[in-house]
Amino acid sequence: MSAPKSEAKSEATNRAMDLATNEVHLVGRLSQAPEERVLPSGDSVWTFRVVVPRRRSAARSRQAVDAIECAAWSVKARRSVSGWSADDVVEVTGELHRRFFRAGGAVASRVEVEMSAGRVIRRAASG
């Protein structure tokens, strides 16, 4: 006798989830110096934007770069980011997360990379 359809579907979903992954690896330039924000909860987060080039695809878009929002929540990640400067070339690894928050009385959301590790590859040229 075979398993009920809902049970079979659940097993298929579980197998698919075993293969699922959420890994982000970026190498790009910081558009500006990272900023520390202290939240109402007392937690602090460093936010920054990594600019990465797009692959050339004339049929899709004229946009040459993407600016990817990133956040450093862990102590180790915040310590790394605190020494970064605008125009540094950095490598960031982490996970893509969607975060919900209230803004002006409405619920808003943002997709960002939650950094787990990062390093400076090349410092910005000084003035």
N, C-alpha and C. Protein backbone atom coordinates (compact mmCIF):
# COMPACT_ATOMS: atom_id res chain seq x y z
N MET A 1 0.85 -1.18 0.00
CA MET A 1 0.00 0.00 0.00
C MET A 1 0.89 1.24 0.00
N SER A 2 0.57 2.23 -0.80
CA SER A 2 1.40 3.43 -0.90
C SER A 2 1.00 4.46 0.14
N ALA A 3 1.91 5.41 0.37
CA ALA A 3 1.66 6.48 1.34
C ALA A 3 0.63 7.44 0.77
N PRO A 4 -0.17 8.09 1.64
CA PRO A 4 -1.12 9.11 1.17
C PRO A 4 -0.38 10.22 0.42
N LYS A 5 -1.10 10.90 -0.49
CA LYS A 5 -0.49 11.95 -1.31
C LYS A 5 0.16 13.04 -0.48
N SER A 6 -0.48 13.47 0.60
CA SER A 6 0.08 14.54 1.43
C SER A 6 1.38 14.11 2.07
N GLU A 7 1.48 12.84 2.44
CA GLU A 7 2.70 12.32 3.04
C GLU A 7 3.82 12.27 2.00
N ALA A 8 3.50 11.84 0.79
CA ALA A 8 4.48 11.77 -0.29
C ALA A 8 4.97 13.18 -0.65
N LYS A 9 4.05 14.13 -0.68
CA LYS A 9 4.43 15.51 -0.99
C LYS A 9 5.35 16.06 0.10
N SER A 10 5.06 15.75 1.35
CA SER A 10 5.88 16.20 2.46
C SER A 10 7.29 15.62 2.36
N GLU A 11 7.40 14.35 1.99
CA GLU A 11 8.71 13.73 1.84
C GLU A 11 9.49 14.38 0.70
N ALA A 12 8.82 14.70 -0.40
CA ALA A 12 9.47 15.37 -1.53
C ALA A 12 9.95 16.76 -1.12
N THR A 13 9.13 17.47 -0.35
CA THR A 13 9.52 18.79 0.13
C THR A 13 10.73 18.68 1.04
N ASN A 14 10.74 17.71 1.92
CA ASN A 14 11.89 17.53 2.82
C ASN A 14 13.16 17.22 2.04
N ARG A 15 13.07 16.40 1.00
CA ARG A 15 14.25 16.10 0.18
C ARG A 15 14.74 17.36 -0.52
N ALA A 16 13.82 18.16 -1.03
CA ALA A 16 14.20 19.41 -1.70
C ALA A 16 14.85 20.37 -0.72
N MET A 17 14.34 20.43 0.51
CA MET A 17 14.92 21.33 1.51
C MET A 17 16.32 20.88 1.93
N ASP A 18 16.59 19.58 1.85
CA ASP A 18 17.94 19.10 2.14
C ASP A 18 18.94 19.64 1.14
N LEU A 19 18.49 19.94 -0.08
CA LEU A 19 19.35 20.48 -1.13
C LEU A 19 19.41 22.00 -1.11
N ALA A 20 18.45 22.65 -0.46
CA ALA A 20 18.36 24.11 -0.47
C ALA A 20 19.56 24.73 0.24
N THR A 21 19.96 25.89 -0.24
CA THR A 21 21.08 26.60 0.39
C THR A 21 20.86 28.10 0.25
N ASN A 22 21.38 28.83 1.18
CA ASN A 22 21.31 30.29 1.15
C ASN A 22 22.71 30.80 1.46
N GLU A 23 23.51 30.90 0.43
CA GLU A 23 24.89 31.35 0.56
C GLU A 23 25.14 32.49 -0.42
N VAL A 24 25.74 33.55 0.08
CA VAL A 24 26.06 34.70 -0.76
C VAL A 24 27.56 34.96 -0.65
N HIS A 25 28.18 35.22 -1.81
CA HIS A 25 29.60 35.56 -1.84
C HIS A 25 29.73 36.77 -2.77
N LEU A 26 30.13 37.90 -2.21
CA LEU A 26 30.28 39.14 -2.97
C LEU A 26 31.71 39.61 -2.93
N VAL A 27 32.18 40.14 -4.02
CA VAL A 27 33.44 40.88 -4.05
C VAL A 27 33.13 42.16 -4.81
N GLY A 28 33.33 43.28 -4.14
CA GLY A 28 33.02 44.55 -4.77
C GLY A 28 33.54 45.72 -3.96
N ARG A 29 33.15 46.90 -4.40
CA ARG A 29 33.63 48.16 -3.81
C ARG A 29 32.58 48.72 -2.87
N LEU A 30 33.04 49.26 -1.73
CA LEU A 30 32.11 49.93 -0.81
C LEU A 30 31.76 51.29 -1.38
N SER A 31 30.47 51.57 -1.49
CA SER A 31 30.03 52.85 -2.06
C SER A 31 30.25 54.01 -1.09
N GLN A 32 30.27 53.72 0.20
CA GLN A 32 30.54 54.72 1.23
C GLN A 32 31.01 53.98 2.47
N ALA A 33 31.49 54.71 3.45
CA ALA A 33 31.96 54.07 4.69
C ALA A 33 30.79 53.40 5.40
N PRO A 34 31.01 52.24 6.00
CA PRO A 34 29.95 51.59 6.78
C PRO A 34 29.48 52.48 7.91
N GLU A 35 28.20 52.32 8.28
CA GLU A 35 27.62 53.13 9.36
C GLU A 35 27.11 52.22 10.46
N GLU A 36 27.37 52.62 11.70
CA GLU A 36 26.85 51.87 12.84
C GLU A 36 25.52 52.49 13.25
N ARG A 37 24.53 51.62 13.49
CA ARG A 37 23.23 52.07 13.99
C ARG A 37 22.94 51.34 15.28
N VAL A 38 22.50 52.09 16.28
CA VAL A 38 22.05 51.47 17.52
C VAL A 38 20.53 51.45 17.49
N LEU A 39 19.98 50.26 17.60
CA LEU A 39 18.53 50.07 17.52
C LEU A 39 17.86 50.37 18.85
N PRO A 40 16.54 50.62 18.84
CA PRO A 40 15.83 50.88 20.10
C PRO A 40 16.02 49.77 21.14
N SER A 41 16.28 48.56 20.66
CA SER A 41 16.50 47.43 21.58
C SER A 41 17.85 47.50 22.26
N GLY A 42 18.73 48.37 21.77
CA GLY A 42 20.08 48.47 22.31
C GLY A 42 21.09 47.70 21.49
N ASP A 43 20.62 46.85 20.58
CA ASP A 43 21.52 46.11 19.69
C ASP A 43 22.15 47.08 18.70
N SER A 44 23.34 46.74 18.24
CA SER A 44 23.94 47.57 17.20
C SER A 44 24.18 46.73 15.96
N VAL A 45 24.13 47.41 14.82
CA VAL A 45 24.34 46.77 13.53
C VAL A 45 25.13 47.75 12.66
N TRP A 46 26.06 47.22 11.91
CA TRP A 46 26.79 48.02 10.93
C TRP A 46 26.17 47.73 9.57
N THR A 47 25.84 48.76 8.83
CA THR A 47 25.28 48.60 7.49
C THR A 47 26.23 49.21 6.46
N PHE A 48 26.22 48.61 5.29
CA PHE A 48 27.09 49.09 4.22
C PHE A 48 26.55 48.58 2.89
N ARG A 49 27.06 49.15 1.82
CA ARG A 49 26.60 48.80 0.48
C ARG A 49 27.81 48.38 -0.36
N VAL A 50 27.70 47.22 -0.97
CA VAL A 50 28.77 46.71 -1.85
C VAL A 50 28.30 46.85 -3.29
N VAL A 51 29.09 47.52 -4.11
CA VAL A 51 28.77 47.71 -5.52
C VAL A 51 29.50 46.64 -6.32
N VAL A 52 28.71 45.87 -7.08
CA VAL A 52 29.27 44.78 -7.88
C VAL A 52 28.85 44.95 -9.34
N PRO A 53 29.74 44.62 -10.27
CA PRO A 53 29.37 44.75 -11.68
C PRO A 53 28.40 43.65 -12.09
N ARG A 54 27.52 43.99 -13.03
CA ARG A 54 26.63 43.00 -13.62
C ARG A 54 27.34 42.36 -14.81
N ARG A 55 26.94 41.14 -15.10
CA ARG A 55 27.42 40.53 -16.34
C ARG A 55 26.78 41.30 -17.49
N ARG A 56 27.50 41.43 -18.55
CA ARG A 56 26.97 42.18 -19.70
C ARG A 56 25.88 41.39 -20.38
N SER A 57 24.73 41.99 -20.47
CA SER A 57 23.59 41.38 -21.15
C SER A 57 22.75 42.50 -21.74
N ALA A 58 23.07 42.91 -22.93
CA ALA A 58 22.41 44.06 -23.56
C ALA A 58 20.90 43.89 -23.67
N ALA A 59 20.45 42.66 -23.77
CA ALA A 59 19.02 42.44 -23.94
C ALA A 59 18.23 42.73 -22.67
N ARG A 60 18.86 42.62 -21.51
CA ARG A 60 18.13 42.75 -20.24
C ARG A 60 18.11 44.16 -19.69
N SER A 61 19.26 44.80 -19.59
CA SER A 61 19.31 46.08 -18.91
C SER A 61 20.55 46.86 -19.31
N ARG A 62 20.45 48.15 -19.19
CA ARG A 62 21.63 49.00 -19.41
C ARG A 62 22.40 49.22 -18.11
N GLN A 63 21.83 48.80 -17.03
CA GLN A 63 22.47 48.99 -15.73
C GLN A 63 23.75 48.17 -15.66
N ALA A 64 24.86 48.80 -15.30
CA ALA A 64 26.16 48.14 -15.32
C ALA A 64 26.55 47.55 -13.96
N VAL A 65 25.93 48.05 -12.88
CA VAL A 65 26.29 47.58 -11.54
C VAL A 65 25.03 47.38 -10.70
N ASP A 66 25.20 46.62 -9.61
CA ASP A 66 24.18 46.49 -8.58
C ASP A 66 24.78 46.94 -7.27
N ALA A 67 23.99 47.61 -6.46
CA ALA A 67 24.41 48.02 -5.13
C ALA A 67 23.68 47.12 -4.14
N ILE A 68 24.41 46.29 -3.44
CA ILE A 68 23.84 45.28 -2.56
C ILE A 68 23.95 45.74 -1.10
N GLU A 69 22.81 45.84 -0.44
CA GLU A 69 22.77 46.23 0.97
C GLU A 69 23.26 45.06 1.83
N CYS A 70 24.09 45.36 2.80
CA CYS A 70 24.63 44.34 3.69
C CYS A 70 24.53 44.82 5.14
N ALA A 71 24.48 43.86 6.06
CA ALA A 71 24.40 44.17 7.49
C ALA A 71 25.32 43.23 8.26
N ALA A 72 26.02 43.78 9.22
CA ALA A 72 26.90 43.00 10.09
C ALA A 72 26.31 43.04 11.49
N TRP A 73 25.81 41.90 11.96
CA TRP A 73 25.17 41.81 13.27
C TRP A 73 26.07 41.19 14.33
N SER A 74 26.85 40.17 13.95
CA SER A 74 27.66 39.46 14.94
C SER A 74 28.84 40.33 15.39
N VAL A 75 29.34 40.03 16.56
CA VAL A 75 30.47 40.80 17.11
C VAL A 75 31.66 40.74 16.15
N LYS A 76 31.98 39.55 15.67
CA LYS A 76 33.12 39.38 14.75
C LYS A 76 32.92 40.19 13.48
N ALA A 77 31.74 40.11 12.89
CA ALA A 77 31.46 40.84 11.65
C ALA A 77 31.50 42.35 11.88
N ARG A 78 30.90 42.81 12.99
CA ARG A 78 30.91 44.26 13.28
C ARG A 78 32.34 44.77 13.46
N ARG A 79 33.17 43.98 14.12
CA ARG A 79 34.57 44.37 14.35
C ARG A 79 35.30 44.51 13.01
N SER A 80 35.07 43.59 12.09
CA SER A 80 35.70 43.66 10.76
C SER A 80 35.28 44.91 10.02
N VAL A 81 33.98 45.13 9.96
CA VAL A 81 33.41 46.23 9.17
C VAL A 81 33.81 47.60 9.72
N SER A 82 33.99 47.70 11.01
CA SER A 82 34.28 49.00 11.62
C SER A 82 35.56 49.63 11.10
N GLY A 83 36.46 48.84 10.53
CA GLY A 83 37.71 49.38 9.99
C GLY A 83 37.69 49.62 8.49
N TRP A 84 36.55 49.40 7.85
CA TRP A 84 36.47 49.57 6.40
C TRP A 84 36.18 51.02 6.04
N SER A 85 36.56 51.41 4.81
CA SER A 85 36.36 52.78 4.33
C SER A 85 35.71 52.77 2.95
N ALA A 86 35.17 53.92 2.58
CA ALA A 86 34.59 54.08 1.24
C ALA A 86 35.63 53.72 0.19
N ASP A 87 35.20 53.06 -0.85
CA ASP A 87 36.00 52.64 -1.99
C ASP A 87 36.95 51.48 -1.72
N ASP A 88 36.97 50.92 -0.49
CA ASP A 88 37.71 49.68 -0.26
C ASP A 88 37.07 48.59 -1.11
N VAL A 89 37.87 47.68 -1.61
CA VAL A 89 37.35 46.49 -2.29
C VAL A 89 37.30 45.39 -1.23
N VAL A 90 36.12 44.82 -1.04
CA VAL A 90 35.91 43.87 0.05
C VAL A 90 35.34 42.56 -0.48
N GLU A 91 35.52 41.53 0.32
CA GLU A 91 34.90 40.23 0.07
C GLU A 91 33.97 39.97 1.25
N VAL A 92 32.72 39.62 0.95
CA VAL A 92 31.71 39.40 1.98
C VAL A 92 31.04 38.05 1.71
N THR A 93 30.89 37.26 2.76
CA THR A 93 30.10 36.03 2.68
C THR A 93 28.99 36.12 3.71
N GLY A 94 27.88 35.48 3.40
CA GLY A 94 26.76 35.51 4.33
C GLY A 94 25.53 34.87 3.72
N GLU A 95 24.38 35.30 4.22
CA GLU A 95 23.09 34.78 3.78
C GLU A 95 22.18 35.93 3.38
N LEU A 96 21.32 35.68 2.42
CA LEU A 96 20.33 36.66 2.00
C LEU A 96 19.12 36.56 2.93
N HIS A 97 18.73 37.69 3.52
CA HIS A 97 17.59 37.72 4.45
C HIS A 97 16.63 38.83 4.05
N ARG A 98 15.36 38.61 4.32
CA ARG A 98 14.35 39.66 4.16
C ARG A 98 13.93 40.07 5.55
N ARG A 99 14.05 41.34 5.84
CA ARG A 99 13.78 41.87 7.17
C ARG A 99 12.57 42.79 7.09
N PHE A 100 11.65 42.66 8.04
CA PHE A 100 10.46 43.51 8.11
C PHE A 100 10.62 44.49 9.26
N PHE A 101 10.12 45.72 9.06
CA PHE A 101 10.20 46.74 10.09
C PHE A 101 9.10 47.77 9.85
N ARG A 102 8.87 48.61 10.85
CA ARG A 102 7.88 49.70 10.73
C ARG A 102 8.59 50.97 10.32
N ALA A 103 8.01 51.66 9.35
CA ALA A 103 8.55 52.93 8.89
C ALA A 103 7.39 53.86 8.59
N GLY A 104 7.29 54.95 9.33
CA GLY A 104 6.21 55.90 9.11
C GLY A 104 4.84 55.30 9.31
N GLY A 105 4.71 54.39 10.25
CA GLY A 105 3.42 53.78 10.54
C GLY A 105 3.05 52.62 9.63
N ALA A 106 3.86 52.36 8.62
CA ALA A 106 3.58 51.25 7.70
C ALA A 106 4.64 50.17 7.86
N VAL A 107 4.29 48.97 7.49
CA VAL A 107 5.27 47.88 7.51
C VAL A 107 6.03 47.92 6.20
N ALA A 108 7.34 47.85 6.30
CA ALA A 108 8.21 47.83 5.12
C ALA A 108 9.13 46.63 5.22
N SER A 109 9.79 46.31 4.13
CA SER A 109 10.74 45.22 4.17
C SER A 109 11.96 45.58 3.34
N ARG A 110 13.02 44.87 3.60
CA ARG A 110 14.28 45.09 2.90
C ARG A 110 14.97 43.75 2.76
N VAL A 111 15.58 43.53 1.62
CA VAL A 111 16.40 42.33 1.40
C VAL A 111 17.85 42.77 1.53
N GLU A 112 18.60 42.03 2.33
CA GLU A 112 20.00 42.38 2.54
C GLU A 112 20.81 41.12 2.80
N VAL A 113 22.10 41.24 2.62
CA VAL A 113 23.01 40.16 2.95
C VAL A 113 23.40 40.32 4.41
N GLU A 114 23.13 39.28 5.21
CA GLU A 114 23.61 39.28 6.59
C GLU A 114 24.99 38.65 6.57
N MET A 115 25.99 39.50 6.80
CA MET A 115 27.38 39.09 6.68
C MET A 115 27.78 38.15 7.81
N SER A 116 28.43 37.04 7.45
CA SER A 116 28.99 36.15 8.47
C SER A 116 30.50 36.32 8.55
N ALA A 117 31.11 36.70 7.43
CA ALA A 117 32.56 36.94 7.41
C ALA A 117 32.87 37.92 6.28
N GLY A 118 33.97 38.62 6.44
CA GLY A 118 34.38 39.57 5.41
C GLY A 118 35.80 40.03 5.62
N ARG A 119 36.36 40.55 4.55
CA ARG A 119 37.74 41.07 4.63
C ARG A 119 37.96 42.10 3.55
N VAL A 120 38.95 42.95 3.78
CA VAL A 120 39.35 43.93 2.78
C VAL A 120 40.32 43.23 1.84
N ILE A 121 40.06 43.34 0.56
CA ILE A 121 40.97 42.80 -0.45
C ILE A 121 41.97 43.87 -0.87
N ARG A 122 41.47 45.08 -1.05
CA ARG A 122 42.34 46.20 -1.43
C ARG A 122 41.81 47.48 -0.81
N ARG A 123 42.66 48.18 -0.11
CA ARG A 123 42.28 49.46 0.50
C ARG A 123 42.09 50.52 -0.58
N ALA A 124 41.22 51.46 -0.32
CA ALA A 124 41.00 52.58 -1.23
C ALA A 124 42.26 53.41 -1.33
N ALA A 125 42.50 53.94 -2.50
CA ALA A 125 43.64 54.84 -2.68
C ALA A 125 43.42 56.08 -1.85
N SER A 126 44.41 56.48 -1.09
CA SER A 126 44.25 57.66 -0.24
C SER A 126 44.51 58.92 -1.06
N GLY A 127 43.66 59.94 -0.78
CA GLY A 127 43.63 61.24 -1.39
C GLY A 127 44.76 61.64 -2.18
